[in-house]
Amino acid sequence: MHVMRRDTRLTTGKEYGEVYSRGRSVANRELALYFLKKDSNITRAGTSISRRIGSAVVRNRIKRLIKESFKKNEARIKVGYDLVFIARHAARGKSFHGVEKAFIDVLNKAELLKEERR
């Protein structure tokens, strides 16, 4: 089992609150993203899922898929941001590829993906 490194996670309620209150947001059907530019050379991410989405099993699965999407695409994300991904009802039952597609889409909307060199 792979866990996100502590330095790439938002860990306290205060950190989440700062992103919510001072950050900007974008969304698609499956995910909402709050993001805040920081004076740092590291990008940190956190997840938030309401109990209304489903049972603990369902919520934990969605969290795992979001975390895996972050780890897989971390190198493509601009550095120096705090990100909070909020799962929406439409994320229930999605495959990894479905969640990853929504993850990339929401980052694109926020213009947080690095330009790809060809």
C-alpha atoms as a PDB file:
ATOM      1  CA  MET A   1       0.000   0.000   0.000  1.00  0.00           C
ATOM      2  CA  HIS A   2       1.318   3.425  -0.972  1.00  0.00           C
ATOM      3  CA  VAL A   3       0.518   6.496   1.073  1.00  0.00           C
ATOM      4  CA  MET A   4       1.028  10.099   0.093  1.00  0.00           C
ATOM      5  CA  ARG A   5       4.142  11.572   1.655  1.00  0.00           C
ATOM      6  CA  ARG A   6       3.377  13.811   4.605  1.00  0.00           C
ATOM      7  CA  ASP A   7       4.959  16.841   2.919  1.00  0.00           C
ATOM      8  CA  THR A   8       2.521  16.523  -0.027  1.00  0.00           C
ATOM      9  CA  ARG A   9      -0.615  16.360   2.167  1.00  0.00           C
ATOM     10  CA  LEU A  10      -2.758  18.959   3.843  1.00  0.00           C
ATOM     11  CA  THR A  11      -2.987  17.707   7.406  1.00  0.00           C
ATOM     12  CA  THR A  12      -4.830  20.172   9.642  1.00  0.00           C
ATOM     13  CA  GLY A  13      -8.251  21.743   9.616  1.00  0.00           C
ATOM     14  CA  LYS A  14      -6.548  25.147   9.642  1.00  0.00           C
ATOM     15  CA  GLU A  15      -4.781  24.345   6.347  1.00  0.00           C
ATOM     16  CA  TYR A  16      -8.052  23.229   4.746  1.00  0.00           C
ATOM     17  CA  GLY A  17      -9.831  26.322   6.086  1.00  0.00           C
ATOM     18  CA  GLU A  18      -7.225  28.640   4.588  1.00  0.00           C
ATOM     19  CA  VAL A  19      -7.648  27.049   1.143  1.00  0.00           C
ATOM     20  CA  TYR A  20     -11.449  27.306   1.408  1.00  0.00           C
ATOM     21  CA  SER A  21     -11.480  30.923   2.587  1.00  0.00           C
ATOM     22  CA  ARG A  22      -8.627  32.443   0.562  1.00  0.00           C
ATOM     23  CA  GLY A  23      -8.487  30.134  -2.461  1.00  0.00           C
ATOM     24  CA  ARG A  24     -10.359  29.902  -5.740  1.00  0.00           C
ATOM     25  CA  SER A  25     -12.505  27.013  -6.954  1.00  0.00           C
ATOM     26  CA  VAL A  26     -13.463  25.145 -10.112  1.00  0.00           C
ATOM     27  CA  ALA A  27     -15.613  22.062 -10.569  1.00  0.00           C
ATOM     28  CA  ASN A  28     -16.927  19.406 -12.904  1.00  0.00           C
ATOM     29  CA  ARG A  29     -19.601  16.734 -12.324  1.00  0.00           C
ATOM     30  CA  GLU A  30     -17.364  14.431 -10.264  1.00  0.00           C
ATOM     31  CA  LEU A  31     -14.989  16.754  -8.399  1.00  0.00           C
ATOM     32  CA  ALA A  32     -14.706  20.279  -7.059  1.00  0.00           C
ATOM     33  CA  LEU A  33     -11.242  21.760  -6.569  1.00  0.00           C
ATOM     34  CA  TYR A  34     -10.254  24.570  -4.230  1.00  0.00           C
ATOM     35  CA  PHE A  35      -6.722  25.850  -4.799  1.00  0.00           C
ATOM     36  CA  LEU A  36      -4.470  28.475  -3.257  1.00  0.00           C
ATOM     37  CA  LYS A  37      -1.042  29.679  -4.434  1.00  0.00           C
ATOM     38  CA  LYS A  38       1.585  29.442  -1.683  1.00  0.00           C
ATOM     39  CA  ASP A  39       5.176  30.654  -1.343  1.00  0.00           C
ATOM     40  CA  SER A  40       6.529  27.141  -1.504  1.00  0.00           C
ATOM     41  CA  ASN A  41       8.196  24.834  -3.996  1.00  0.00           C
ATOM     42  CA  ILE A  42       5.901  21.937  -3.120  1.00  0.00           C
ATOM     43  CA  THR A  43       2.295  21.210  -4.035  1.00  0.00           C
ATOM     44  CA  ARG A  44       0.133  19.736  -1.290  1.00  0.00           C
ATOM     45  CA  ALA A  45      -3.237  18.042  -1.720  1.00  0.00           C
ATOM     46  CA  GLY A  46      -6.113  16.956   0.468  1.00  0.00           C
ATOM     47  CA  THR A  47      -9.496  15.344  -0.048  1.00  0.00           C
ATOM     48  CA  SER A  48     -12.902  16.002   1.432  1.00  0.00           C
ATOM     49  CA  ILE A  49     -15.949  13.784   1.018  1.00  0.00           C
ATOM     50  CA  SER A  50     -19.350  14.340   2.587  1.00  0.00           C
ATOM     51  CA  ARG A  51     -21.095  11.506   4.405  1.00  0.00           C
ATOM     52  CA  ARG A  52     -24.002  12.026   2.023  1.00  0.00           C
ATOM     53  CA  ILE A  53     -21.897  10.507  -0.778  1.00  0.00           C
ATOM     54  CA  GLY A  54     -22.180   7.021   0.713  1.00  0.00           C
ATOM     55  CA  SER A  55     -20.875   4.545   3.249  1.00  0.00           C
ATOM     56  CA  ALA A  56     -17.331   4.649   4.612  1.00  0.00           C
ATOM     57  CA  VAL A  57     -16.356   1.972   2.095  1.00  0.00           C
ATOM     58  CA  VAL A  58     -17.573   4.110  -0.820  1.00  0.00           C
ATOM     59  CA  ARG A  59     -15.973   7.295   0.535  1.00  0.00           C
ATOM     60  CA  ASN A  60     -12.621   5.612   1.223  1.00  0.00           C
ATOM     61  CA  ARG A  61     -12.554   4.114  -2.278  1.00  0.00           C
ATOM     62  CA  ILE A  62     -13.091   7.546  -3.831  1.00  0.00           C
ATOM     63  CA  LYS A  63     -10.353   9.000  -1.593  1.00  0.00           C
ATOM     64  CA  ARG A  64      -7.955   6.255  -2.665  1.00  0.00           C
ATOM     65  CA  LEU A  65      -8.687   6.920  -6.348  1.00  0.00           C
ATOM     66  CA  ILE A  66      -8.137  10.676  -5.928  1.00  0.00           C
ATOM     67  CA  LYS A  67      -4.866  10.102  -4.045  1.00  0.00           C
ATOM     68  CA  GLU A  68      -3.673   7.650  -6.690  1.00  0.00           C
ATOM     69  CA  SER A  69      -4.546  10.178  -9.427  1.00  0.00           C
ATOM     70  CA  PHE A  70      -2.510  12.795  -7.556  1.00  0.00           C
ATOM     71  CA  LYS A  71       0.507  10.501  -7.205  1.00  0.00           C
ATOM     72  CA  LYS A  72       0.353   9.443 -10.854  1.00  0.00           C
ATOM     73  CA  ASN A  73       0.069  13.019 -12.163  1.00  0.00           C
ATOM     74  CA  GLU A  74       2.042  14.929  -9.519  1.00  0.00           C
ATOM     75  CA  ALA A  75       4.877  15.766 -11.934  1.00  0.00           C
ATOM     76  CA  ARG A  76       2.385  17.437 -14.319  1.00  0.00           C
ATOM     77  CA  ILE A  77       0.934  19.786 -11.663  1.00  0.00           C
ATOM     78  CA  LYS A  78       2.400  23.269 -11.188  1.00  0.00           C
ATOM     79  CA  VAL A  79       4.341  23.614  -7.936  1.00  0.00           C
ATOM     80  CA  GLY A  80       3.538  25.873  -5.008  1.00  0.00           C
ATOM     81  CA  TYR A  81      -0.198  25.228  -4.586  1.00  0.00           C
ATOM     82  CA  ASP A  82      -2.417  23.814  -1.867  1.00  0.00           C
ATOM     83  CA  LEU A  83      -5.228  21.774  -3.423  1.00  0.00           C
ATOM     84  CA  VAL A  84      -8.420  20.417  -1.870  1.00  0.00           C
ATOM     85  CA  PHE A  85     -10.393  17.922  -3.964  1.00  0.00           C
ATOM     86  CA  ILE A  86     -14.029  17.519  -2.979  1.00  0.00           C
ATOM     87  CA  ALA A  87     -15.834  14.461  -4.293  1.00  0.00           C
ATOM     88  CA  ARG A  88     -19.354  14.897  -5.618  1.00  0.00           C
ATOM     89  CA  HIS A  89     -22.156  12.365  -5.976  1.00  0.00           C
ATOM     90  CA  ALA A  90     -21.255  11.632  -9.606  1.00  0.00           C
ATOM     91  CA  ALA A  91     -17.883  10.208  -8.447  1.00  0.00           C
ATOM     92  CA  ARG A  92     -19.623   7.197  -6.875  1.00  0.00           C
ATOM     93  CA  GLY A  93     -18.974   3.991  -8.756  1.00  0.00           C
ATOM     94  CA  LYS A  94     -16.454   5.543 -11.154  1.00  0.00           C
ATOM     95  CA  SER A  95     -13.463   3.500 -12.246  1.00  0.00           C
ATOM     96  CA  PHE A  96      -9.921   4.748 -11.645  1.00  0.00           C
ATOM     97  CA  HIS A  97      -9.795   6.022 -15.233  1.00  0.00           C
ATOM     98  CA  GLY A  98     -13.070   7.901 -14.755  1.00  0.00           C
ATOM     99  CA  VAL A  99     -11.829   9.588 -11.571  1.00  0.00           C
ATOM    100  CA  GLU A 100      -8.423  10.326 -13.125  1.00  0.00           C
ATOM    101  CA  LYS A 101     -10.113  11.903 -16.161  1.00  0.00           C
ATOM    102  CA  ALA A 102     -12.221  14.128 -13.857  1.00  0.00           C
ATOM    103  CA  PHE A 103      -9.074  14.923 -11.804  1.00  0.00           C
ATOM    104  CA  ILE A 104      -7.148  16.077 -14.894  1.00  0.00           C
ATOM    105  CA  ASP A 105     -10.179  17.983 -16.212  1.00  0.00           C
ATOM    106  CA  VAL A 106     -10.592  19.963 -12.999  1.00  0.00           C
ATOM    107  CA  LEU A 107      -6.847  20.780 -12.913  1.00  0.00           C
ATOM    108  CA  ASN A 108      -7.086  21.933 -16.547  1.00  0.00           C
ATOM    109  CA  LYS A 109     -10.000  24.227 -15.688  1.00  0.00           C
ATOM    110  CA  ALA A 110      -7.889  25.724 -12.892  1.00  0.00           C
ATOM    111  CA  GLU A 111      -4.919  26.047 -15.299  1.00  0.00           C
ATOM    112  CA  LEU A 112      -2.713  24.118 -12.868  1.00  0.00           C
ATOM    113  CA  LEU A 113      -1.184  21.658 -15.346  1.00  0.00           C
ATOM    114  CA  LYS A 114       2.315  22.381 -16.626  1.00  0.00           C
ATOM    115  CA  GLU A 115       2.706  22.944 -20.339  1.00  0.00           C
ATOM    116  CA  GLU A 116       3.713  19.660 -21.933  1.00  0.00           C
ATOM    117  CA  ARG A 117       6.929  19.754 -23.967  1.00  0.00           C
ATOM    118  CA  ARG A 118       6.943  17.884 -27.228  1.00  0.00           C
END
